[in-house]
Amino acid sequence: MRYIWFNHTTSPTVIETVLQVKEVTDVDLSSENFHMSAVLDIEWIDHRLSWSGYCTENGCPKNYDETFDCLNLRRFQHINKVHLTSEHIWTPTLNLYDGDMQDTVSLRGADGALPVTVSMNGRVNMKRYVSVVTTCEVANWVRDKFPFDYHQCGIKLGSRVLKKHELEVSVNKMNHFSERSKTPTKPIHVIDHIGTDDFNENPEWKLIAYQYRTSEAFSLLEDKYLDEPYSIVQMYFILSRNTPKLLIVVLLPAFCLVVLSSFGLVIPIASGEKLGYSVTVLLAFYVYKEAVEDMMAPWEDYDETPTLIGLFTAITMSK
C-alpha cells in the first residue's frame, strides 16, 4: 500500500487565471450582447499529484527522506511533467456569472475533455479556448454620443460551487505575465494587452483598453445570510467604433440623403417625376433607418434620443 502525505490546512485552493482575448467577434447593441473569443489559462497546485516527495511551498514533511526512499521516488526524478486529460484528475469548474462560456476546442472522443499538464510539484496547467457571450449595458450618456460612442463591457468569472474559503481565484499570474507588481487600478491601454501579437482586429469595433481585478460575489440569499461569498475575477473591456467605417457607412449616406431630399424641391411638377423621386428618397430613408437601428442600443424616452439622430431627423423632416 502506498502512503500519501497530505498537507491538511484550512487555506483554499488558489486558481491562477489569465484571460487572453483573441478576437472581439461582435458587439450587438440592439440586444446589448458582447461576443468574444479568448484563451483561459488556469493553473493550480494539487499536492496529491506530486511525485517530488510531497514538498510544498511551505516546506517538506518531517519524514521526507524516509518517504522519498520508501516510495522509490528517485526513479521518477527524470520526469518533470506529464500530459493528461481533464477527465482523469480534478479540475475547477469556472463559469461566467453574467453570460455564457463554451469551450471551442476539446479532445476528440474524450467527451469534451481538455488537455492538462501536471508538473513534478503537483502544479496543474490547463488552457481552455472559449467563446464568451455576456451582457453589455449601455448608459444614456454613452448612447447620446452615437456614432462616436464607446462602451465598457465586462465579465465576472468564478466558481458557482466552491465558496471563497474553498477556492480562491487570483490574478497574480496575469500581473506577472504583464510585468506588473500589483493589480492595476486604472484601465490599461491596448498596447499593453496580453496576447496582442495574434489579436484579430474587428472591422467595426476597436479594443482600446481593459481592466481586471479580483472581487467577491453572493450568488444566493443563503450565501449572503451565511456570509460565504464566492471568489471571482472581474474584467472590463472598453471598445470604440471604427472611425473609417463610420464615415463610409453612417455619416456619408446621411449627408447624401439630406442632399437628395433637397433636390425634390426643385423638380418641376409638370415633369411627372416629382412624386416618384420623393417616394424613392423616402424608401431610402427607411432602409437607412433600419441599418442604423441595428447599430444602436434601444432607448425608451424621447429625451434619450441621440443628438445626431434627432438633428438628422429634424433636418430631413423640415424639407
Protein backbone atom coordinates (compact mmCIF):
# COMPACT_ATOMS: atom_id res chain seq x y z
CA MET A 1 0.00 0.00 0.00
CA ARG A 2 1.25 3.47 -0.90
CA TYR A 3 1.19 6.01 1.92
CA ILE A 4 0.37 9.53 0.78
CA TRP A 5 1.26 12.58 2.82
CA PHE A 6 -1.37 15.30 2.84
CA ASN A 7 -0.92 18.86 3.96
CA HIS A 8 -4.15 19.41 5.86
CA THR A 9 -4.66 23.16 6.08
CA THR A 10 -7.62 25.48 6.03
CA SER A 11 -6.27 27.56 3.16
CA PRO A 12 -8.32 27.47 -0.08
CA THR A 13 -7.13 26.14 -3.41
CA VAL A 14 -5.75 29.13 -5.31
CA ILE A 15 -6.61 29.20 -9.02
CA GLU A 16 -4.37 31.46 -11.07
CA THR A 17 -6.24 32.84 -14.10
CA VAL A 18 -5.06 34.57 -17.27
CA LEU A 19 -7.68 35.56 -19.85
CA GLN A 20 -6.16 36.39 -23.24
CA VAL A 21 -8.63 37.97 -25.66
CA LYS A 22 -8.04 36.77 -29.21
CA GLU A 23 -10.93 38.40 -31.07
CA VAL A 24 -13.89 40.65 -30.42
CA THR A 25 -16.41 38.76 -32.52
CA ASP A 26 -19.39 41.10 -32.23
CA VAL A 27 -20.92 43.85 -30.13
CA ASP A 28 -24.69 43.70 -30.62
CA LEU A 29 -26.04 46.87 -29.01
CA SER A 30 -29.62 46.19 -30.09
CA SER A 31 -29.66 43.19 -27.72
CA GLU A 32 -26.81 44.55 -25.53
CA ASN A 33 -24.65 41.44 -26.01
CA PHE A 34 -20.86 41.19 -26.25
CA HIS A 35 -19.20 38.27 -28.08
CA MET A 36 -15.50 37.40 -27.99
CA SER A 37 -13.05 34.52 -28.39
CA ALA A 38 -10.35 34.05 -25.78
CA VAL A 39 -7.91 31.64 -24.17
CA LEU A 40 -8.49 30.99 -20.47
CA ASP A 41 -5.22 29.86 -18.87
CA ILE A 42 -5.81 28.42 -15.39
CA GLU A 43 -3.25 26.94 -13.02
CA TRP A 44 -3.39 25.45 -9.52
CA ILE A 45 -1.46 23.08 -7.25
CA ASP A 46 -2.80 19.64 -6.36
CA HIS A 47 -0.39 18.04 -3.87
CA ARG A 48 -1.97 14.64 -4.48
CA LEU A 49 -0.42 14.65 -7.97
CA SER A 50 3.12 15.48 -6.80
CA TRP A 51 5.92 12.94 -7.15
CA SER A 52 8.65 15.17 -5.72
CA GLY A 53 8.33 13.84 -2.17
CA TYR A 54 5.18 15.84 -1.32
CA CYS A 55 7.01 19.07 -0.68
CA THR A 56 5.03 22.29 -0.81
CA GLU A 57 5.88 25.96 -0.90
CA ASN A 58 5.87 25.85 2.92
CA GLY A 59 8.49 23.08 3.10
CA CYS A 60 8.73 19.30 3.14
CA PRO A 61 7.25 16.78 5.59
CA LYS A 62 9.33 15.79 8.58
CA ASN A 63 9.82 12.26 7.27
CA TYR A 64 10.77 13.49 3.81
CA ASP A 65 13.93 11.36 3.38
CA GLU A 66 12.22 8.22 4.66
CA THR A 67 9.21 8.79 2.40
CA PHE A 68 11.40 9.57 -0.59
CA ASP A 69 13.35 6.32 -0.21
CA CYS A 70 10.38 4.20 0.79
CA LEU A 71 8.38 5.11 -2.30
CA ASN A 72 11.45 4.90 -4.52
CA LEU A 73 10.69 8.35 -5.94
CA ARG A 74 14.26 8.69 -7.15
CA ARG A 75 13.43 6.68 -10.26
CA PHE A 76 10.92 9.36 -11.32
CA GLN A 77 13.28 12.33 -10.93
CA HIS A 78 13.94 12.48 -14.68
CA ILE A 79 10.22 13.13 -15.34
CA ASN A 80 9.49 16.82 -14.96
CA LYS A 81 5.91 16.79 -16.17
CA VAL A 82 3.25 14.57 -17.71
CA HIS A 83 0.38 15.29 -20.09
CA LEU A 84 -3.08 14.03 -19.18
CA THR A 85 -6.71 14.88 -19.90
CA SER A 86 -9.11 16.70 -17.61
CA GLU A 87 -11.29 13.61 -17.17
CA HIS A 88 -8.55 11.84 -15.19
CA ILE A 89 -7.98 14.46 -12.47
CA TRP A 90 -9.92 17.05 -10.50
CA THR A 91 -10.31 20.37 -12.33
CA PRO A 92 -12.01 23.56 -11.10
CA THR A 93 -15.30 24.49 -12.71
CA LEU A 94 -15.16 28.16 -13.67
CA ASN A 95 -18.21 29.84 -15.18
CA LEU A 96 -19.48 33.29 -16.05
CA TYR A 97 -21.85 34.96 -13.62
CA ASP A 98 -23.43 37.20 -16.26
CA GLY A 99 -23.20 35.28 -19.51
CA ASP A 100 -22.23 32.03 -21.18
CA MET A 101 -18.80 30.50 -21.84
CA GLN A 102 -18.35 27.49 -24.11
CA ASP A 103 -15.19 25.54 -24.92
CA THR A 104 -14.43 25.63 -28.65
CA VAL A 105 -11.53 23.15 -28.62
CA SER A 106 -11.65 19.74 -26.90
CA LEU A 107 -10.13 16.31 -27.47
CA ARG A 108 -11.97 14.06 -29.89
CA GLY A 109 -13.61 11.01 -28.40
CA ALA A 110 -12.98 12.19 -24.84
CA ASP A 111 -16.45 13.58 -24.05
CA GLY A 112 -15.25 17.17 -24.11
CA ALA A 113 -12.08 16.50 -22.09
CA LEU A 114 -9.32 19.10 -22.23
CA PRO A 115 -5.54 18.55 -22.19
CA VAL A 116 -3.76 19.32 -18.91
CA THR A 117 -0.11 19.37 -17.89
CA VAL A 118 0.96 18.15 -14.44
CA SER A 119 4.39 19.13 -13.12
CA MET A 120 6.52 17.28 -10.60
CA ASN A 121 5.48 19.52 -7.70
CA GLY A 122 1.77 18.97 -8.40
CA ARG A 123 1.21 22.17 -10.36
CA VAL A 124 -1.52 21.67 -12.95
CA ASN A 125 -1.98 23.88 -16.02
CA MET A 126 -4.99 23.82 -18.32
CA LYS A 127 -5.74 26.09 -21.28
CA ARG A 128 -9.33 26.50 -22.42
CA TYR A 129 -10.14 28.01 -25.81
CA VAL A 130 -13.52 29.57 -25.13
CA SER A 131 -16.27 31.56 -26.78
CA VAL A 132 -17.77 34.16 -24.44
CA VAL A 133 -21.18 35.81 -24.65
CA THR A 134 -22.04 38.36 -21.98
CA THR A 135 -24.17 41.43 -21.46
CA CYS A 136 -23.00 44.93 -22.33
CA GLU A 137 -25.25 47.54 -20.79
CA VAL A 138 -25.38 50.94 -22.48
CA ALA A 139 -25.70 54.10 -20.40
CA ASN A 140 -27.79 57.05 -21.66
CA TRP A 141 -24.84 59.45 -21.73
CA VAL A 142 -22.90 56.95 -23.86
CA ARG A 143 -25.82 56.44 -26.26
CA ASP A 144 -26.02 60.20 -26.80
CA LYS A 145 -22.53 60.19 -28.35
CA PHE A 146 -23.58 57.93 -31.25
CA PRO A 147 -21.95 57.28 -33.69
CA PHE A 148 -18.75 58.23 -31.83
CA ASP A 149 -19.74 56.26 -28.74
CA TYR A 150 -17.63 53.83 -26.75
CA HIS A 151 -18.75 51.07 -24.43
CA GLN A 152 -17.47 49.19 -21.40
CA CYS A 153 -18.36 45.51 -21.49
CA GLY A 154 -17.44 43.26 -18.58
CA ILE A 155 -17.41 39.67 -17.39
CA LYS A 156 -17.42 38.01 -13.97
CA LEU A 157 -15.51 34.74 -13.85
CA GLY A 158 -15.56 32.34 -10.91
CA SER A 159 -16.92 29.15 -9.39
CA ARG A 160 -20.60 28.75 -8.51
CA VAL A 161 -19.92 25.58 -6.50
CA LEU A 162 -16.99 26.22 -4.16
CA LYS A 163 -17.03 29.18 -1.77
CA LYS A 164 -14.12 31.55 -1.26
CA HIS A 165 -12.80 29.63 1.75
CA GLU A 166 -12.59 26.56 -0.52
CA LEU A 167 -11.47 28.06 -3.85
CA GLU A 168 -9.93 31.46 -4.46
CA VAL A 169 -9.42 32.97 -7.91
CA SER A 170 -6.22 35.01 -8.33
CA VAL A 171 -4.73 37.30 -10.99
CA ASN A 172 -1.12 37.19 -9.78
CA LYS A 173 -0.08 35.20 -12.85
CA MET A 174 -1.67 37.79 -15.13
CA ASN A 175 0.23 40.53 -13.28
CA HIS A 176 3.44 38.52 -13.67
CA PHE A 177 3.00 37.99 -17.40
CA SER A 178 2.20 41.66 -17.97
CA GLU A 179 5.17 42.70 -15.77
CA ARG A 180 3.08 44.43 -13.09
CA SER A 181 3.78 44.31 -9.40
CA LYS A 182 0.10 44.55 -8.48
CA THR A 183 -3.39 44.58 -9.96
CA PRO A 184 -3.97 47.79 -11.97
CA THR A 185 -6.46 50.30 -10.60
CA LYS A 186 -6.99 52.11 -13.92
CA PRO A 187 -7.79 50.84 -17.44
CA ILE A 188 -4.75 49.59 -19.36
CA HIS A 189 -4.18 50.69 -22.94
CA VAL A 190 -4.45 48.03 -25.61
CA ILE A 191 -0.73 48.38 -26.38
CA ASP A 192 -0.08 46.54 -23.11
CA HIS A 193 -2.73 43.94 -23.92
CA ILE A 194 -1.74 40.34 -23.21
CA GLY A 195 -1.66 38.39 -26.46
CA THR A 196 -1.72 41.38 -28.81
CA ASP A 197 0.58 39.69 -31.32
CA ASP A 198 -2.14 37.33 -32.54
CA PHE A 199 -5.14 39.50 -31.70
CA ASN A 200 -7.62 39.64 -34.60
CA GLU A 201 -8.96 43.13 -35.17
CA ASN A 202 -12.69 43.59 -35.59
CA PRO A 203 -13.68 45.67 -38.66
CA GLU A 204 -16.36 47.57 -36.72
CA TRP A 205 -15.10 47.71 -33.13
CA LYS A 206 -11.69 48.55 -31.70
CA LEU A 207 -10.46 47.36 -28.31
CA ILE A 208 -8.77 50.39 -26.76
CA ALA A 209 -8.32 49.40 -23.10
CA TYR A 210 -9.07 46.75 -20.49
CA GLN A 211 -9.03 46.31 -16.73
CA TYR A 212 -9.19 43.40 -14.31
CA ARG A 213 -9.44 42.82 -10.57
CA THR A 214 -10.47 40.21 -8.01
CA SER A 215 -13.71 40.57 -6.11
CA GLU A 216 -16.44 38.69 -4.23
CA ALA A 217 -19.99 37.78 -5.18
CA PHE A 218 -23.04 36.31 -3.45
CA SER A 219 -25.00 34.01 -5.72
CA LEU A 220 -27.94 33.23 -3.40
CA LEU A 221 -29.64 34.85 -0.41
CA GLU A 222 -28.34 31.96 1.68
CA ASP A 223 -24.75 32.93 0.82
CA LYS A 224 -25.41 36.50 1.92
CA TYR A 225 -27.01 35.36 5.16
CA LEU A 226 -24.14 32.97 6.00
CA ASP A 227 -21.56 35.50 4.80
CA GLU A 228 -19.97 32.92 2.48
CA PRO A 229 -19.07 34.73 -0.75
CA TYR A 230 -17.62 33.30 -3.95
CA SER A 231 -14.27 34.45 -5.27
CA ILE A 232 -14.49 35.96 -8.76
CA VAL A 233 -12.40 37.88 -11.28
CA GLN A 234 -13.94 40.92 -12.95
CA MET A 235 -12.66 42.03 -16.34
CA TYR A 236 -13.78 45.12 -18.25
CA PHE A 237 -13.16 45.88 -21.92
CA ILE A 238 -13.50 49.39 -23.36
CA LEU A 239 -14.40 49.44 -27.05
CA SER A 240 -14.94 52.21 -29.58
CA ARG A 241 -16.34 52.17 -33.08
CA ASN A 242 -14.09 52.05 -36.13
CA THR A 243 -13.97 55.65 -37.40
CA PRO A 244 -13.31 54.92 -41.14
CA LYS A 245 -16.32 52.60 -41.25
CA LEU A 246 -18.44 55.23 -39.50
CA LEU A 247 -17.63 57.80 -42.18
CA ILE A 248 -18.49 55.45 -45.04
CA VAL A 249 -21.45 53.55 -43.61
CA VAL A 250 -23.17 56.13 -41.38
CA LEU A 251 -22.18 59.76 -41.99
CA LEU A 252 -21.65 59.78 -45.76
CA PRO A 253 -25.03 58.14 -46.58
CA ALA A 254 -26.76 60.55 -44.17
CA PHE A 255 -25.22 63.55 -45.94
CA CYS A 256 -26.20 62.17 -49.36
CA LEU A 257 -29.79 61.57 -48.26
CA VAL A 258 -30.08 65.14 -46.98
CA VAL A 259 -28.78 66.49 -50.30
CA LEU A 260 -31.01 64.20 -52.38
CA SER A 261 -34.09 65.17 -50.39
CA SER A 262 -33.37 68.82 -51.21
CA PHE A 263 -33.41 68.08 -54.96
CA GLY A 264 -37.05 67.03 -54.64
CA LEU A 265 -37.96 70.69 -54.03
CA VAL A 266 -36.55 71.89 -57.36
CA ILE A 267 -38.01 69.17 -59.60
CA PRO A 268 -40.90 70.70 -61.64
CA ILE A 269 -44.31 69.19 -61.00
CA ALA A 270 -45.01 69.19 -64.74
CA SER A 271 -42.16 66.74 -65.33
CA GLY A 272 -44.15 63.97 -63.67
CA GLU A 273 -41.10 62.73 -61.74
CA LYS A 274 -41.53 64.69 -58.52
CA LEU A 275 -43.79 62.15 -56.78
CA GLY A 276 -41.76 59.11 -57.85
CA TYR A 277 -38.50 60.76 -56.82
CA SER A 278 -39.89 61.69 -53.38
CA VAL A 279 -41.15 58.14 -52.79
CA THR A 280 -37.76 56.72 -53.76
CA VAL A 281 -35.97 59.04 -51.32
CA LEU A 282 -38.48 58.10 -48.62
CA LEU A 283 -37.75 54.40 -49.16
CA ALA A 284 -34.02 55.16 -48.97
CA PHE A 285 -34.61 56.88 -45.63
CA TYR A 286 -36.42 53.80 -44.34
CA VAL A 287 -33.62 51.44 -45.39
CA TYR A 288 -31.08 53.77 -43.78
CA LYS A 289 -33.14 53.88 -40.60
CA GLU A 290 -33.22 50.08 -40.40
CA ALA A 291 -29.45 49.86 -40.87
CA VAL A 292 -28.70 52.48 -38.21
CA GLU A 293 -31.21 50.97 -35.79
CA ASP A 294 -29.31 47.67 -35.79
CA MET A 295 -26.15 49.54 -34.78
CA MET A 296 -27.68 51.28 -31.77
CA ALA A 297 -28.92 50.35 -28.35
CA PRO A 298 -32.68 50.88 -27.85
CA TRP A 299 -34.00 53.77 -25.76
CA GLU A 300 -37.35 54.34 -24.06
CA ASP A 301 -37.96 58.10 -23.72
CA TYR A 302 -37.78 60.90 -26.27
CA ASP A 303 -35.23 62.79 -24.21
CA GLU A 304 -32.85 59.80 -24.53
CA THR A 305 -32.68 60.15 -28.32
CA PRO A 306 -29.06 60.59 -29.51
CA THR A 307 -28.30 64.17 -30.50
CA LEU A 308 -27.13 63.43 -34.06
CA ILE A 309 -30.12 61.17 -34.75
CA GLY A 310 -32.53 63.86 -33.57
CA LEU A 311 -30.73 66.53 -35.60
CA PHE A 312 -30.73 64.37 -38.74
CA THR A 313 -34.45 63.64 -38.37
CA ALA A 314 -35.27 67.33 -37.83
CA ILE A 315 -33.33 68.44 -40.93
CA THR A 316 -34.86 65.81 -43.22
CA MET A 317 -38.40 66.38 -41.95
CA SER A 318 -38.07 70.14 -42.41
CA LYS A 319 -37.60 69.64 -46.11
